[in-house]
Amino acid sequence: MKRGPELWLSPLVALVVVAASATQIVSALGVTGAFGWQTASVHVAVPPAYVAVERALDRIDARMPLETARDPFVATARTSAVVAKPAPPAHPKPPAPAAPVLTAIVWDKDPRALVHWKDREWTVREGGLFDEFMVMSISRDQVSLRRGDATLVLQRRNPGD
């Protein structure tokens, strides 16, 4: 059994990676004050455009004393008068999507159809899928589609219509 440097290389690299990770974690926790160490506060220069916003955030609102503020991390049951809210306005149902339109049928050994759906032309064949439809059959005059449990039959338009 050989005990060359390649045997020690992998554990040595792993040890270096673990040491670097631990150093960074301890350093980050030290900056946040997690260990109770005194950290030097970092002064952040506020760009001139945000000075007014910074002052507004630093202002204390005298109308709301801190004693009345609720601790957001403590769950307390508050009793308050229930105010009936007006019902939200009824949203009209969106219109049903238009049905696909059969544009053309190419009838040969491998029949195909051209279907217009959602501002796009789809070239389809029997057994194929497009968008949410499955093409069930293609005949000389119609294409049968299935969406979920519903079957939709698209008829070829006559040129005179």
Protein backbone atom coordinates (compact mmCIF):
# COMPACT_ATOMS: atom_id res chain seq x y z
CA MET A 1 0.00 0.00 0.00
CA LYS A 2 1.45 3.33 -1.08
CA ARG A 3 1.37 6.32 1.18
CA GLY A 4 2.25 9.05 -1.23
CA PRO A 5 1.31 12.75 -1.23
CA GLU A 6 -1.80 12.09 -3.34
CA LEU A 7 -3.27 10.16 -0.40
CA TRP A 8 -3.02 13.23 1.85
CA LEU A 9 -4.03 15.85 -0.75
CA SER A 10 -7.84 15.40 -0.57
CA PRO A 11 -8.10 15.53 3.25
CA LEU A 12 -5.72 18.50 3.33
CA VAL A 13 -7.83 20.46 0.81
CA ALA A 14 -10.99 19.60 2.76
CA LEU A 15 -9.38 20.81 5.98
CA VAL A 16 -8.38 24.12 4.36
CA VAL A 17 -11.93 24.64 3.02
CA VAL A 18 -13.47 23.91 6.44
CA ALA A 19 -11.02 26.27 8.15
CA ALA A 20 -11.74 29.07 5.65
CA SER A 21 -15.51 28.59 6.06
CA ALA A 22 -15.28 28.59 9.86
CA THR A 23 -13.15 31.75 9.80
CA GLN A 24 -15.67 33.57 7.63
CA ILE A 25 -18.62 32.44 9.77
CA VAL A 26 -16.98 33.53 13.02
CA SER A 27 -15.99 36.85 11.45
CA ALA A 28 -19.54 37.49 10.20
CA LEU A 29 -21.04 36.62 13.60
CA GLY A 30 -18.52 38.89 15.30
CA VAL A 31 -19.54 41.82 13.10
CA THR A 32 -23.19 41.34 13.97
CA GLY A 33 -22.41 41.30 17.69
CA ALA A 34 -23.65 37.75 18.19
CA PHE A 35 -20.85 36.98 20.65
CA GLY A 36 -21.42 40.12 22.72
CA TRP A 37 -18.27 41.72 21.39
CA GLN A 38 -18.29 45.45 20.97
CA THR A 39 -18.39 46.16 17.29
CA ALA A 40 -17.34 49.39 15.73
CA SER A 41 -20.31 51.06 14.13
CA VAL A 42 -19.90 51.63 10.46
CA HIS A 43 -20.92 55.06 9.22
CA VAL A 44 -22.65 54.90 5.89
CA ALA A 45 -22.56 58.03 3.80
CA VAL A 46 -26.05 58.92 2.60
CA PRO A 47 -26.17 60.29 -0.94
CA PRO A 48 -27.46 63.90 -1.06
CA ALA A 49 -30.61 62.87 -2.89
CA TYR A 50 -31.71 60.73 0.09
CA VAL A 51 -30.83 63.08 2.97
CA ALA A 52 -34.46 64.22 3.36
CA VAL A 53 -35.67 60.62 3.46
CA GLU A 54 -33.01 59.72 6.03
CA ARG A 55 -34.09 62.63 8.27
CA ALA A 56 -37.74 61.62 7.99
CA LEU A 57 -36.90 58.07 9.02
CA ASP A 58 -34.88 59.28 12.01
CA ARG A 59 -37.69 61.50 13.28
CA ILE A 60 -39.69 60.13 16.20
CA ASP A 61 -43.43 60.58 16.01
CA ALA A 62 -44.54 62.17 19.30
CA ARG A 63 -48.14 61.08 18.73
CA MET A 64 -47.19 57.43 19.22
CA PRO A 65 -45.28 56.77 22.43
CA LEU A 66 -43.13 53.66 22.44
CA GLU A 67 -45.03 52.26 25.42
CA THR A 68 -48.09 51.72 23.23
CA ALA A 69 -46.15 49.93 20.52
CA ARG A 70 -46.78 46.21 20.35
CA ASP A 71 -43.93 43.72 20.19
CA PRO A 72 -44.37 42.04 16.79
CA PHE A 73 -42.68 38.87 18.04
CA VAL A 74 -45.17 38.22 20.83
CA ALA A 75 -48.51 36.69 19.97
CA THR A 76 -51.27 38.40 21.92
CA ALA A 77 -54.97 38.28 21.42
CA ARG A 78 -56.47 41.70 21.05
CA THR A 79 -60.14 42.35 21.33
CA SER A 80 -61.39 44.96 18.99
CA ALA A 81 -64.68 45.94 17.56
CA VAL A 82 -65.48 44.07 14.41
CA VAL A 83 -66.20 46.46 11.62
CA ALA A 84 -68.14 45.11 8.70
CA LYS A 85 -66.20 45.65 5.55
CA PRO A 86 -68.11 46.36 2.40
CA ALA A 87 -68.15 43.49 -0.05
CA PRO A 88 -65.54 43.87 -2.73
CA PRO A 89 -66.96 44.77 -6.11
CA ALA A 90 -67.84 41.73 -8.13
CA HIS A 91 -65.29 41.19 -10.83
CA PRO A 92 -66.85 40.27 -14.12
CA LYS A 93 -65.84 36.86 -15.35
CA PRO A 94 -63.25 37.03 -18.07
CA PRO A 95 -64.72 36.21 -21.44
CA ALA A 96 -64.39 32.62 -22.50
CA PRO A 97 -61.39 32.18 -24.75
CA ALA A 98 -62.26 32.08 -28.42
CA ALA A 99 -62.20 28.69 -30.05
CA PRO A 100 -59.34 27.78 -32.36
CA VAL A 101 -60.02 28.42 -36.03
CA LEU A 102 -59.30 25.79 -38.67
CA THR A 103 -57.40 27.55 -41.44
CA ALA A 104 -56.44 24.72 -43.80
CA ILE A 105 -56.21 20.95 -44.15
CA VAL A 106 -53.51 19.19 -46.13
CA TRP A 107 -54.96 15.81 -47.05
CA ASP A 108 -52.46 13.09 -48.05
CA LYS A 109 -50.95 9.95 -46.49
CA ASP A 110 -50.02 11.99 -43.40
CA PRO A 111 -52.83 14.56 -43.05
CA ARG A 112 -52.05 17.84 -41.35
CA ALA A 113 -54.05 20.91 -40.46
CA LEU A 114 -53.28 24.57 -39.91
CA VAL A 115 -55.06 25.97 -36.83
CA HIS A 116 -55.10 29.61 -35.73
CA TRP A 117 -55.04 29.91 -31.92
CA LYS A 118 -53.89 32.71 -29.59
CA ASP A 119 -52.49 34.88 -32.39
CA ARG A 120 -50.39 32.04 -33.72
CA GLU A 121 -50.65 29.49 -36.51
CA TRP A 122 -50.16 25.89 -35.42
CA THR A 123 -49.37 23.04 -37.82
CA VAL A 124 -50.87 19.91 -36.29
CA ARG A 125 -51.17 16.19 -37.07
CA GLU A 126 -53.23 13.38 -35.57
CA GLY A 127 -52.11 12.46 -32.06
CA GLY A 128 -50.11 15.68 -31.71
CA LEU A 129 -50.38 18.29 -29.00
CA PHE A 130 -50.54 22.06 -29.30
CA ASP A 131 -51.03 24.48 -26.43
CA GLU A 132 -53.66 22.73 -24.25
CA PHE A 133 -55.25 20.67 -27.06
CA MET A 134 -54.68 17.14 -28.30
CA VAL A 135 -55.48 16.45 -31.95
CA MET A 136 -57.78 13.44 -31.99
CA SER A 137 -58.47 13.13 -35.73
CA ILE A 138 -58.16 14.97 -39.03
CA SER A 139 -60.58 14.32 -41.88
CA ARG A 140 -61.11 16.11 -45.20
CA ASP A 141 -63.55 18.61 -43.67
CA GLN A 142 -62.88 18.76 -39.94
CA VAL A 143 -60.39 18.43 -37.10
CA SER A 144 -61.34 16.96 -33.71
CA LEU A 145 -59.52 18.36 -30.68
CA ARG A 146 -59.67 17.39 -27.03
CA ARG A 147 -59.01 19.74 -24.11
CA GLY A 148 -59.41 17.93 -20.81
CA ASP A 149 -62.69 16.02 -21.06
CA ALA A 150 -64.21 18.33 -23.68
CA THR A 151 -64.09 17.54 -27.39
CA LEU A 152 -64.07 20.37 -29.90
CA VAL A 153 -64.74 19.85 -33.60
CA LEU A 154 -63.40 22.47 -36.01
CA GLN A 155 -65.17 22.59 -39.37
CA ARG A 156 -63.56 23.76 -42.59
CA ARG A 157 -65.09 26.96 -43.84
CA ASN A 158 -66.53 27.02 -47.32
CA PRO A 159 -64.97 29.64 -49.60
CA GLY A 160 -68.38 31.20 -50.23
CA ASP A 161 -69.05 31.87 -46.52
